PDB file of N, CA and C in Angstrom:
ATOM      1  N   MET A   1     -31.017  50.839  66.831  1.00  0.00           N
ATOM      2  CA  MET A   1     -31.701  50.537  65.563  1.00  0.00           C
ATOM      3  C   MET A   1     -33.197  50.459  65.784  1.00  0.00           C
ATOM      4  N   LYS A   2     -33.982  50.790  64.777  1.00  0.00           N
ATOM      5  CA  LYS A   2     -35.407  50.718  64.800  1.00  0.00           C
ATOM      6  C   LYS A   2     -35.807  49.222  64.504  1.00  0.00           C
ATOM      7  N   LYS A   3     -37.019  48.923  64.860  1.00  0.00           N
ATOM      8  CA  LYS A   3     -37.521  47.529  64.608  1.00  0.00           C
ATOM      9  C   LYS A   3     -37.401  47.207  63.196  1.00  0.00           C
ATOM     10  N   GLN A   4     -37.784  48.125  62.298  1.00  0.00           N
ATOM     11  CA  GLN A   4     -37.775  47.816  60.829  1.00  0.00           C
ATOM     12  C   GLN A   4     -36.371  47.569  60.361  1.00  0.00           C
ATOM     13  N   GLU A   5     -35.419  48.318  60.798  1.00  0.00           N
ATOM     14  CA  GLU A   5     -34.039  48.155  60.413  1.00  0.00           C
ATOM     15  C   GLU A   5     -33.494  46.797  60.885  1.00  0.00           C
ATOM     16  N   ILE A   6     -33.864  46.425  62.108  1.00  0.00           N
ATOM     17  CA  ILE A   6     -33.422  45.149  62.659  1.00  0.00           C
ATOM     18  C   ILE A   6     -33.989  44.021  61.818  1.00  0.00           C
ATOM     19  N   GLN A   7     -35.313  44.126  61.490  1.00  0.00           N
ATOM     20  CA  GLN A   7     -35.954  43.098  60.719  1.00  0.00           C
ATOM     21  C   GLN A   7     -35.360  42.973  59.295  1.00  0.00           C
ATOM     22  N   GLN A   8     -35.008  44.128  58.728  1.00  0.00           N
ATOM     23  CA  GLN A   8     -34.316  44.079  57.417  1.00  0.00           C
ATOM     24  C   GLN A   8     -32.962  43.393  57.477  1.00  0.00           C
ATOM     25  N   GLU A   9     -32.245  43.611  58.574  1.00  0.00           N
ATOM     26  CA  GLU A   9     -30.957  42.971  58.736  1.00  0.00           C
ATOM     27  C   GLU A   9     -31.121  41.469  58.943  1.00  0.00           C
ATOM     28  N   ILE A  10     -32.142  41.103  59.680  1.00  0.00           N
ATOM     29  CA  ILE A  10     -32.454  39.668  59.896  1.00  0.00           C
ATOM     30  C   ILE A  10     -32.780  39.007  58.560  1.00  0.00           C
ATOM     31  N   ASP A  11     -33.583  39.654  57.743  1.00  0.00           N
ATOM     32  CA  ASP A  11     -33.944  39.072  56.451  1.00  0.00           C
ATOM     33  C   ASP A  11     -32.740  38.913  55.531  1.00  0.00           C
ATOM     34  N   GLN A  12     -31.887  39.948  55.576  1.00  0.00           N
ATOM     35  CA  GLN A  12     -30.644  39.847  54.812  1.00  0.00           C
ATOM     36  C   GLN A  12     -29.752  38.663  55.219  1.00  0.00           C
ATOM     37  N   LEU A  13     -29.581  38.508  56.485  1.00  0.00           N
ATOM     38  CA  LEU A  13     -28.774  37.434  57.052  1.00  0.00           C
ATOM     39  C   LEU A  13     -29.414  36.067  56.692  1.00  0.00           C
ATOM     40  N   LYS A  14     -30.724  36.003  56.744  1.00  0.00           N
ATOM     41  CA  LYS A  14     -31.369  34.787  56.355  1.00  0.00           C
ATOM     42  C   LYS A  14     -31.056  34.345  54.895  1.00  0.00           C
ATOM     43  N   MET A  15     -31.104  35.415  54.003  1.00  0.00           N
ATOM     44  CA  MET A  15     -30.848  35.112  52.615  1.00  0.00           C
ATOM     45  C   MET A  15     -29.373  34.705  52.429  1.00  0.00           C
ATOM     46  N   ASP A  16     -28.460  35.367  53.142  1.00  0.00           N
ATOM     47  CA  ASP A  16     -27.097  35.000  53.093  1.00  0.00           C
ATOM     48  C   ASP A  16     -26.877  33.546  53.582  1.00  0.00           C
ATOM     49  N   TYR A  17     -27.588  33.234  54.682  1.00  0.00           N
ATOM     50  CA  TYR A  17     -27.483  31.890  55.301  1.00  0.00           C
ATOM     51  C   TYR A  17     -27.845  30.858  54.264  1.00  0.00           C
ATOM     52  N   ILE A  18     -29.000  31.089  53.644  1.00  0.00           N
ATOM     53  CA  ILE A  18     -29.538  30.123  52.639  1.00  0.00           C
ATOM     54  C   ILE A  18     -28.556  29.909  51.507  1.00  0.00           C
ATOM     55  N   ARG A  19     -27.989  31.051  50.997  1.00  0.00           N
ATOM     56  CA  ARG A  19     -27.061  30.960  49.891  1.00  0.00           C
ATOM     57  C   ARG A  19     -25.801  30.180  50.301  1.00  0.00           C
ATOM     58  N   ILE A  20     -25.312  30.507  51.443  1.00  0.00           N
ATOM     59  CA  ILE A  20     -24.044  29.855  51.904  1.00  0.00           C
ATOM     60  C   ILE A  20     -24.307  28.343  52.210  1.00  0.00           C
ATOM     61  N   GLN A  21     -25.529  28.029  52.697  1.00  0.00           N
ATOM     62  CA  GLN A  21     -25.836  26.670  52.951  1.00  0.00           C
ATOM     63  C   GLN A  21     -25.871  25.879  51.685  1.00  0.00           C
ATOM     64  N   GLY A  22     -26.418  26.464  50.591  1.00  0.00           N
ATOM     65  CA  GLY A  22     -26.406  25.849  49.315  1.00  0.00           C
ATOM     66  C   GLY A  22     -24.989  25.618  48.773  1.00  0.00           C
ATOM     67  N   ASP A  23     -24.164  26.646  48.944  1.00  0.00           N
ATOM     68  CA  ASP A  23     -22.738  26.502  48.541  1.00  0.00           C
ATOM     69  C   ASP A  23     -22.022  25.390  49.274  1.00  0.00           C
ATOM     70  N   LEU A  24     -22.335  25.318  50.555  1.00  0.00           N
ATOM     71  CA  LEU A  24     -21.704  24.270  51.440  1.00  0.00           C
ATOM     72  C   LEU A  24     -22.154  22.895  50.976  1.00  0.00           C
ATOM     73  N   ASP A  25     -23.417  22.759  50.708  1.00  0.00           N
ATOM     74  CA  ASP A  25     -23.939  21.499  50.229  1.00  0.00           C
ATOM     75  C   ASP A  25     -23.281  20.990  48.907  1.00  0.00           C
ATOM     76  N   LYS A  26     -23.130  21.951  47.974  1.00  0.00           N
ATOM     77  CA  LYS A  26     -22.455  21.607  46.719  1.00  0.00           C
ATOM     78  C   LYS A  26     -20.972  21.292  46.943  1.00  0.00           C
ATOM     79  N   LEU A  27     -20.331  22.035  47.778  1.00  0.00           N
ATOM     80  CA  LEU A  27     -18.933  21.744  48.046  1.00  0.00           C
ATOM     81  C   LEU A  27     -18.717  20.395  48.719  1.00  0.00           C
ATOM     82  N   GLU A  28     -19.603  20.183  49.711  1.00  0.00           N
ATOM     83  CA  GLU A  28     -19.491  18.879  50.408  1.00  0.00           C
ATOM     84  C   GLU A  28     -19.763  17.717  49.496  1.00  0.00           C
ATOM     85  N   ALA A  29     -20.724  17.833  48.595  1.00  0.00           N
ATOM     86  CA  ALA A  29     -21.053  16.761  47.628  1.00  0.00           C
ATOM     87  C   ALA A  29     -19.861  16.460  46.718  1.00  0.00           C
ATOM     88  N   ASN A  30     -19.045  17.465  46.531  1.00  0.00           N
ATOM     89  CA  ASN A  30     -17.872  17.219  45.630  1.00  0.00           C
ATOM     90  C   ASN A  30     -16.588  16.957  46.442  1.00  0.00           C
ATOM     91  N   GLY A  31     -16.713  16.756  47.694  1.00  0.00           N
ATOM     92  CA  GLY A  31     -15.596  16.397  48.547  1.00  0.00           C
ATOM     93  C   GLY A  31     -14.665  17.504  48.889  1.00  0.00           C
ATOM     94  N   GLY A  32     -15.206  18.771  48.861  1.00  0.00           N
ATOM     95  CA  GLY A  32     -14.389  19.962  49.125  1.00  0.00           C
ATOM     96  C   GLY A  32     -14.307  20.194  50.631  1.00  0.00           C
ATOM     97  N   ASN A  33     -13.455  21.128  50.970  1.00  0.00           N
ATOM     98  CA  ASN A  33     -13.210  21.480  52.357  1.00  0.00           C
ATOM     99  C   ASN A  33     -14.334  22.518  52.741  1.00  0.00           C
ATOM    100  N   VAL A  34     -15.153  22.208  53.685  1.00  0.00           N
ATOM    101  CA  VAL A  34     -16.281  23.011  54.083  1.00  0.00           C
ATOM    102  C   VAL A  34     -16.061  23.805  55.383  1.00  0.00           C
ATOM    103  N   THR A  35     -14.918  23.676  55.978  1.00  0.00           N
ATOM    104  CA  THR A  35     -14.651  24.240  57.279  1.00  0.00           C
ATOM    105  C   THR A  35     -14.950  25.804  57.342  1.00  0.00           C
ATOM    106  N   MET A  36     -14.467  26.553  56.379  1.00  0.00           N
ATOM    107  CA  MET A  36     -14.684  27.938  56.354  1.00  0.00           C
ATOM    108  C   MET A  36     -16.162  28.307  56.257  1.00  0.00           C
ATOM    109  N   LEU A  37     -16.859  27.581  55.411  1.00  0.00           N
ATOM    110  CA  LEU A  37     -18.323  27.863  55.231  1.00  0.00           C
ATOM    111  C   LEU A  37     -19.076  27.507  56.465  1.00  0.00           C
ATOM    112  N   GLU A  38     -18.663  26.447  57.191  1.00  0.00           N
ATOM    113  CA  GLU A  38     -19.272  26.106  58.465  1.00  0.00           C
ATOM    114  C   GLU A  38     -19.087  27.175  59.513  1.00  0.00           C
ATOM    115  N   LYS A  39     -17.929  27.727  59.518  1.00  0.00           N
ATOM    116  CA  LYS A  39     -17.629  28.812  60.464  1.00  0.00           C
ATOM    117  C   LYS A  39     -18.414  30.046  60.129  1.00  0.00           C
ATOM    118  N   THR A  40     -18.629  30.289  58.861  1.00  0.00           N
ATOM    119  CA  THR A  40     -19.393  31.456  58.434  1.00  0.00           C
ATOM    120  C   THR A  40     -20.863  31.254  58.832  1.00  0.00           C
ATOM    121  N   LEU A  41     -21.387  30.044  58.681  1.00  0.00           N
ATOM    122  CA  LEU A  41     -22.801  29.750  59.059  1.00  0.00           C
ATOM    123  C   LEU A  41     -22.942  29.934  60.529  1.00  0.00           C
ATOM    124  N   SER A  42     -21.968  29.449  61.305  1.00  0.00           N
ATOM    125  CA  SER A  42     -22.038  29.588  62.764  1.00  0.00           C
ATOM    126  C   SER A  42     -22.033  31.058  63.205  1.00  0.00           C
ATOM    127  N   ARG A  43     -21.256  31.884  62.497  1.00  0.00           N
ATOM    128  CA  ARG A  43     -21.216  33.299  62.844  1.00  0.00           C
ATOM    129  C   ARG A  43     -22.568  33.968  62.509  1.00  0.00           C
ATOM    130  N   LEU A  44     -23.098  33.587  61.343  1.00  0.00           N
ATOM    131  CA  LEU A  44     -24.444  34.107  60.943  1.00  0.00           C
ATOM    132  C   LEU A  44     -25.503  33.734  61.964  1.00  0.00           C
ATOM    133  N   GLU A  45     -25.451  32.502  62.461  1.00  0.00           N
ATOM    134  CA  GLU A  45     -26.400  32.055  63.460  1.00  0.00           C
ATOM    135  C   GLU A  45     -26.318  32.876  64.725  1.00  0.00           C
ATOM    136  N   GLU A  46     -25.085  33.181  65.149  1.00  0.00           N
ATOM    137  CA  GLU A  46     -24.891  34.040  66.348  1.00  0.00           C
ATOM    138  C   GLU A  46     -25.437  35.474  66.110  1.00  0.00           C
ATOM    139  N   GLU A  47     -25.209  35.978  64.906  1.00  0.00           N
ATOM    140  CA  GLU A  47     -25.697  37.310  64.595  1.00  0.00           C
ATOM    141  C   GLU A  47     -27.239  37.340  64.568  1.00  0.00           C
ATOM    142  N   LEU A  48     -27.839  36.259  64.029  1.00  0.00           N
ATOM    143  CA  LEU A  48     -29.305  36.212  64.011  1.00  0.00           C
ATOM    144  C   LEU A  48     -29.885  36.141  65.414  1.00  0.00           C
ATOM    145  N   ILE A  49     -29.214  35.382  66.284  1.00  0.00           N
ATOM    146  CA  ILE A  49     -29.695  35.303  67.736  1.00  0.00           C
ATOM    147  C   ILE A  49     -29.650  36.676  68.333  1.00  0.00           C
ATOM    148  N   SER A  50     -28.573  37.395  68.117  1.00  0.00           N
ATOM    149  CA  SER A  50     -28.385  38.698  68.688  1.00  0.00           C
ATOM    150  C   SER A  50     -29.425  39.697  68.128  1.00  0.00           C
ATOM    151  N   LEU A  51     -29.668  39.659  66.825  1.00  0.00           N
ATOM    152  CA  LEU A  51     -30.620  40.580  66.252  1.00  0.00           C
ATOM    153  C   LEU A  51     -32.048  40.232  66.688  1.00  0.00           C
ATOM    154  N   ARG A  52     -32.362  38.925  66.860  1.00  0.00           N
ATOM    155  CA  ARG A  52     -33.696  38.585  67.328  1.00  0.00           C
ATOM    156  C   ARG A  52     -33.901  39.063  68.779  1.00  0.00           C
ATOM    157  N   ARG A  53     -32.911  39.020  69.539  1.00  0.00           N
ATOM    158  CA  ARG A  53     -32.991  39.580  70.924  1.00  0.00           C
ATOM    159  C   ARG A  53     -33.224  41.103  70.892  1.00  0.00           C
ATOM    160  N   GLN A  54     -32.474  41.769  70.009  1.00  0.00           N
ATOM    161  CA  GLN A  54     -32.671  43.212  69.866  1.00  0.00           C
ATOM    162  C   GLN A  54     -34.072  43.504  69.414  1.00  0.00           C
ATOM    163  N   LEU A  55     -34.602  42.733  68.506  1.00  0.00           N
ATOM    164  CA  LEU A  55     -35.944  42.930  68.014  1.00  0.00           C
ATOM    165  C   LEU A  55     -36.979  42.725  69.145  1.00  0.00           C
ATOM    166  N   GLU A  56     -36.810  41.702  69.937  1.00  0.00           N
ATOM    167  CA  GLU A  56     -37.668  41.442  71.031  1.00  0.00           C
ATOM    168  C   GLU A  56     -37.640  42.639  72.075  1.00  0.00           C
ATOM    169  N   ALA A  57     -36.477  43.110  72.317  1.00  0.00           N
ATOM    170  CA  ALA A  57     -36.289  44.269  73.250  1.00  0.00           C
ATOM    171  C   ALA A  57     -36.966  45.514  72.696  1.00  0.00           C
ATOM    172  N   ALA A  58     -36.876  45.709  71.412  1.00  0.00           N
ATOM    173  CA  ALA A  58     -37.482  46.898  70.754  1.00  0.00           C
ATOM    174  C   ALA A  58     -38.985  46.784  70.739  1.00  0.00           C
ATOM    175  N   SER A  59     -39.517  45.591  70.765  1.00  0.00           N
ATOM    176  CA  SER A  59     -40.959  45.377  70.765  1.00  0.00           C
ATOM    177  C   SER A  59     -41.612  45.654  72.091  1.00  0.00           C
ATOM    178  N   GLU A  60     -40.803  45.558  73.134  1.00  0.00           N
ATOM    179  CA  GLU A  60     -41.364  45.726  74.504  1.00  0.00           C
ATOM    180  C   GLU A  60     -41.615  47.203  74.879  1.00  0.00           C
TER     181      GLU A  60
END
């Protein structure tokens, strides 16, 4: 992937993360089960780490 494509994917994941975090906060405030959303956030964090590493490697 090119640097620009990697950055676009990072930006999209960040937007997804923010949206899901908001959903999680609302669900948690209402006493709902947040386990699946927490797992999704964890997966997104791992993807972001991987993409940032790819971006660093592409910059070198």
